[in-house]
Amino acid sequence: MLLSDAIRIRINYYLKKKNMTIWKLYKASGVPKSTLCALMNNTSLPKLDTLHHISEGFNISIREFFNDPMFDETEQD
């Protein structure tokens, strides 16, 4: 699995778990909605600081964000 796919899957997981929309994530994280949409549409790869802000928007640590076995077997895009 590509790293970008795993990141999108994880964001979708937390959107559902936290009952959030992209709009709510934008408001909570400060990451521009256009950046979130580009990430979710697979037209851009996130920077580490963007993932940090997304994690903060979900009220989790970045460690918790990446704490899933699917990240053990990812390939770089």
N, C-alpha and C. Protein backbone atom coordinates (compact mmCIF):
# COMPACT_ATOMS: atom_id res chain seq x y z
N MET A 1 0.85 -1.17 0.00
CA MET A 1 0.00 0.00 0.00
C MET A 1 0.90 1.24 0.00
N LEU A 2 0.49 2.24 -0.75
CA LEU A 2 1.24 3.48 -0.77
C LEU A 2 0.99 4.27 0.51
N LEU A 3 1.99 5.01 0.93
CA LEU A 3 1.87 5.82 2.13
C LEU A 3 0.70 6.80 2.02
N SER A 4 0.53 7.43 0.88
CA SER A 4 -0.57 8.39 0.71
C SER A 4 -1.93 7.72 0.89
N ASP A 5 -2.06 6.48 0.43
CA ASP A 5 -3.32 5.75 0.61
C ASP A 5 -3.56 5.46 2.09
N ALA A 6 -2.52 5.05 2.80
CA ALA A 6 -2.65 4.75 4.23
C ALA A 6 -3.04 6.01 5.00
N ILE A 7 -2.46 7.14 4.64
CA ILE A 7 -2.79 8.40 5.32
C ILE A 7 -4.25 8.76 5.08
N ARG A 8 -4.71 8.63 3.85
CA ARG A 8 -6.13 8.92 3.55
C ARG A 8 -7.06 7.98 4.31
N ILE A 9 -6.72 6.71 4.36
CA ILE A 9 -7.53 5.74 5.11
C ILE A 9 -7.59 6.14 6.58
N ARG A 10 -6.45 6.54 7.12
CA ARG A 10 -6.41 6.91 8.54
C ARG A 10 -7.20 8.19 8.82
N ILE A 11 -7.11 9.15 7.93
CA ILE A 11 -7.90 10.38 8.10
C ILE A 11 -9.39 10.05 8.04
N ASN A 12 -9.78 9.24 7.08
CA ASN A 12 -11.19 8.83 7.00
C ASN A 12 -11.64 8.09 8.25
N TYR A 13 -10.77 7.26 8.79
CA TYR A 13 -11.07 6.54 10.03
C TYR A 13 -11.38 7.53 11.16
N TYR A 14 -10.50 8.51 11.32
CA TYR A 14 -10.72 9.47 12.41
C TYR A 14 -11.87 10.43 12.13
N LEU A 15 -12.12 10.74 10.86
CA LEU A 15 -13.30 11.56 10.55
C LEU A 15 -14.56 10.85 11.03
N LYS A 16 -14.64 9.56 10.75
CA LYS A 16 -15.82 8.79 11.18
C LYS A 16 -15.84 8.63 12.70
N LYS A 17 -14.70 8.27 13.28
CA LYS A 17 -14.62 8.03 14.72
C LYS A 17 -14.98 9.28 15.52
N LYS A 18 -14.55 10.44 15.04
CA LYS A 18 -14.79 11.69 15.75
C LYS A 18 -16.04 12.41 15.25
N ASN A 19 -16.76 11.75 14.32
CA ASN A 19 -17.98 12.35 13.75
C ASN A 19 -17.70 13.74 13.19
N MET A 20 -16.68 13.82 12.34
CA MET A 20 -16.26 15.10 11.78
C MET A 20 -16.38 15.08 10.26
N THR A 21 -16.46 16.26 9.70
CA THR A 21 -16.39 16.45 8.25
C THR A 21 -15.06 17.13 7.94
N ILE A 22 -14.74 17.23 6.67
CA ILE A 22 -13.54 17.96 6.27
C ILE A 22 -13.61 19.39 6.79
N TRP A 23 -14.80 19.99 6.71
CA TRP A 23 -14.99 21.36 7.20
C TRP A 23 -14.66 21.45 8.69
N LYS A 24 -15.16 20.52 9.49
CA LYS A 24 -14.88 20.53 10.93
C LYS A 24 -13.39 20.30 11.20
N LEU A 25 -12.77 19.43 10.41
CA LEU A 25 -11.34 19.19 10.57
C LEU A 25 -10.55 20.45 10.23
N TYR A 26 -10.96 21.14 9.19
CA TYR A 26 -10.31 22.40 8.82
C TYR A 26 -10.41 23.39 9.97
N LYS A 27 -11.58 23.53 10.55
CA LYS A 27 -11.77 24.47 11.65
C LYS A 27 -10.96 24.07 12.89
N ALA A 28 -10.88 22.78 13.16
CA ALA A 28 -10.17 22.30 14.35
C ALA A 28 -8.65 22.29 14.18
N SER A 29 -8.18 22.07 12.95
CA SER A 29 -6.75 21.90 12.73
C SER A 29 -6.05 23.15 12.19
N GLY A 30 -6.81 24.00 11.52
CA GLY A 30 -6.19 25.16 10.88
C GLY A 30 -5.57 24.84 9.53
N VAL A 31 -5.64 23.59 9.12
CA VAL A 31 -5.12 23.20 7.80
C VAL A 31 -6.16 23.66 6.77
N PRO A 32 -5.73 24.42 5.76
CA PRO A 32 -6.69 24.92 4.78
C PRO A 32 -7.54 23.81 4.16
N LYS A 33 -8.80 24.13 3.95
CA LYS A 33 -9.72 23.15 3.37
C LYS A 33 -9.22 22.66 2.02
N SER A 34 -8.63 23.55 1.24
CA SER A 34 -8.10 23.16 -0.07
C SER A 34 -6.98 22.13 0.08
N THR A 35 -6.15 22.27 1.11
CA THR A 35 -5.08 21.31 1.36
C THR A 35 -5.66 19.96 1.76
N LEU A 36 -6.65 19.98 2.64
CA LEU A 36 -7.30 18.73 3.06
C LEU A 36 -7.96 18.04 1.87
N CYS A 37 -8.65 18.80 1.04
CA CYS A 37 -9.32 18.21 -0.13
C CYS A 37 -8.31 17.64 -1.11
N ALA A 38 -7.20 18.35 -1.34
CA ALA A 38 -6.16 17.85 -2.24
C ALA A 38 -5.56 16.56 -1.70
N LEU A 39 -5.35 16.52 -0.40
CA LEU A 39 -4.82 15.31 0.23
C LEU A 39 -5.81 14.15 0.06
N MET A 40 -7.08 14.41 0.32
CA MET A 40 -8.09 13.35 0.25
C MET A 40 -8.38 12.92 -1.19
N ASN A 41 -8.12 13.80 -2.15
CA ASN A 41 -8.33 13.47 -3.56
C ASN A 41 -7.06 12.93 -4.21
N ASN A 42 -6.03 12.71 -3.40
CA ASN A 42 -4.76 12.15 -3.86
C ASN A 42 -4.07 13.02 -4.91
N THR A 43 -4.21 14.33 -4.77
CA THR A 43 -3.51 15.23 -5.68
C THR A 43 -2.32 15.91 -5.02
N SER A 44 -2.12 15.63 -3.73
CA SER A 44 -0.92 16.14 -3.05
C SER A 44 -0.57 15.22 -1.89
N LEU A 45 0.70 15.27 -1.52
CA LEU A 45 1.18 14.54 -0.36
C LEU A 45 1.35 15.52 0.79
N PRO A 46 0.95 15.12 1.99
CA PRO A 46 1.06 16.05 3.12
C PRO A 46 2.49 16.13 3.66
N LYS A 47 2.82 17.29 4.17
CA LYS A 47 4.08 17.46 4.88
C LYS A 47 3.87 16.99 6.32
N LEU A 48 4.95 16.73 7.00
CA LEU A 48 4.86 16.25 8.37
C LEU A 48 4.16 17.26 9.27
N ASP A 49 4.43 18.55 9.09
CA ASP A 49 3.77 19.55 9.93
C ASP A 49 2.27 19.60 9.67
N THR A 50 1.86 19.34 8.43
CA THR A 50 0.43 19.28 8.12
C THR A 50 -0.22 18.11 8.85
N LEU A 51 0.45 16.96 8.84
CA LEU A 51 -0.08 15.80 9.56
C LEU A 51 -0.13 16.05 11.06
N HIS A 52 0.82 16.80 11.55
CA HIS A 52 0.81 17.16 12.97
C HIS A 52 -0.42 18.01 13.30
N HIS A 53 -0.71 19.00 12.44
CA HIS A 53 -1.89 19.84 12.66
C HIS A 53 -3.19 19.04 12.51
N ILE A 54 -3.22 18.12 11.56
CA ILE A 54 -4.40 17.26 11.40
C ILE A 54 -4.60 16.43 12.66
N SER A 55 -3.53 15.86 13.19
CA SER A 55 -3.63 15.09 14.43
C SER A 55 -4.16 15.95 15.57
N GLU A 56 -3.66 17.16 15.68
CA GLU A 56 -4.15 18.08 16.70
C GLU A 56 -5.64 18.36 16.51
N GLY A 57 -6.07 18.47 15.25
CA GLY A 57 -7.48 18.69 14.96
C GLY A 57 -8.35 17.54 15.42
N PHE A 58 -7.80 16.34 15.38
CA PHE A 58 -8.51 15.17 15.88
C PHE A 58 -8.33 15.00 17.39
N ASN A 59 -7.51 15.86 17.99
CA ASN A 59 -7.21 15.79 19.41
C ASN A 59 -6.49 14.48 19.78
N ILE A 60 -5.56 14.10 18.91
CA ILE A 60 -4.72 12.93 19.14
C ILE A 60 -3.27 13.32 18.87
N SER A 61 -2.35 12.47 19.30
CA SER A 61 -0.94 12.72 18.99
C SER A 61 -0.63 12.18 17.60
N ILE A 62 0.44 12.67 17.02
CA ILE A 62 0.84 12.16 15.72
C ILE A 62 1.25 10.69 15.84
N ARG A 63 1.76 10.32 17.00
CA ARG A 63 2.10 8.91 17.26
C ARG A 63 0.85 8.06 17.17
N GLU A 64 -0.25 8.53 17.77
CA GLU A 64 -1.51 7.79 17.70
C GLU A 64 -2.02 7.70 16.27
N PHE A 65 -1.84 8.79 15.51
CA PHE A 65 -2.27 8.79 14.11
C PHE A 65 -1.60 7.65 13.34
N PHE A 66 -0.30 7.48 13.54
CA PHE A 66 0.45 6.46 12.81
C PHE A 66 0.46 5.10 13.49
N ASN A 67 -0.22 4.97 14.61
CA ASN A 67 -0.23 3.71 15.36
C ASN A 67 -1.24 2.74 14.75
N ASP A 68 -0.88 2.19 13.62
CA ASP A 68 -1.72 1.21 12.93
C ASP A 68 -0.80 0.31 12.12
N PRO A 69 -1.05 -0.99 12.11
CA PRO A 69 -0.18 -1.92 11.39
C PRO A 69 -0.05 -1.63 9.90
N MET A 70 -1.02 -0.96 9.30
CA MET A 70 -0.91 -0.70 7.86
C MET A 70 0.30 0.17 7.53
N PHE A 71 0.76 0.98 8.49
CA PHE A 71 1.92 1.82 8.23
C PHE A 71 3.22 1.02 8.26
N ASP A 72 3.18 -0.20 8.76
CA ASP A 72 4.37 -1.05 8.77
C ASP A 72 4.72 -1.57 7.39
N GLU A 73 3.76 -1.56 6.50
CA GLU A 73 3.96 -2.15 5.19
C GLU A 73 3.69 -1.18 4.05
N THR A 74 3.91 0.10 4.28
CA THR A 74 3.66 1.08 3.23
C THR A 74 4.88 1.27 2.35
N GLU A 75 4.60 1.71 1.14
CA GLU A 75 5.64 2.06 0.18
C GLU A 75 5.58 3.55 -0.05
N GLN A 76 6.73 4.12 -0.34
CA GLN A 76 6.77 5.54 -0.62
C GLN A 76 6.13 5.82 -1.97
N ASP A 77 5.42 6.94 -2.05
CA ASP A 77 4.78 7.35 -3.32
C ASP A 77 5.82 7.78 -4.31
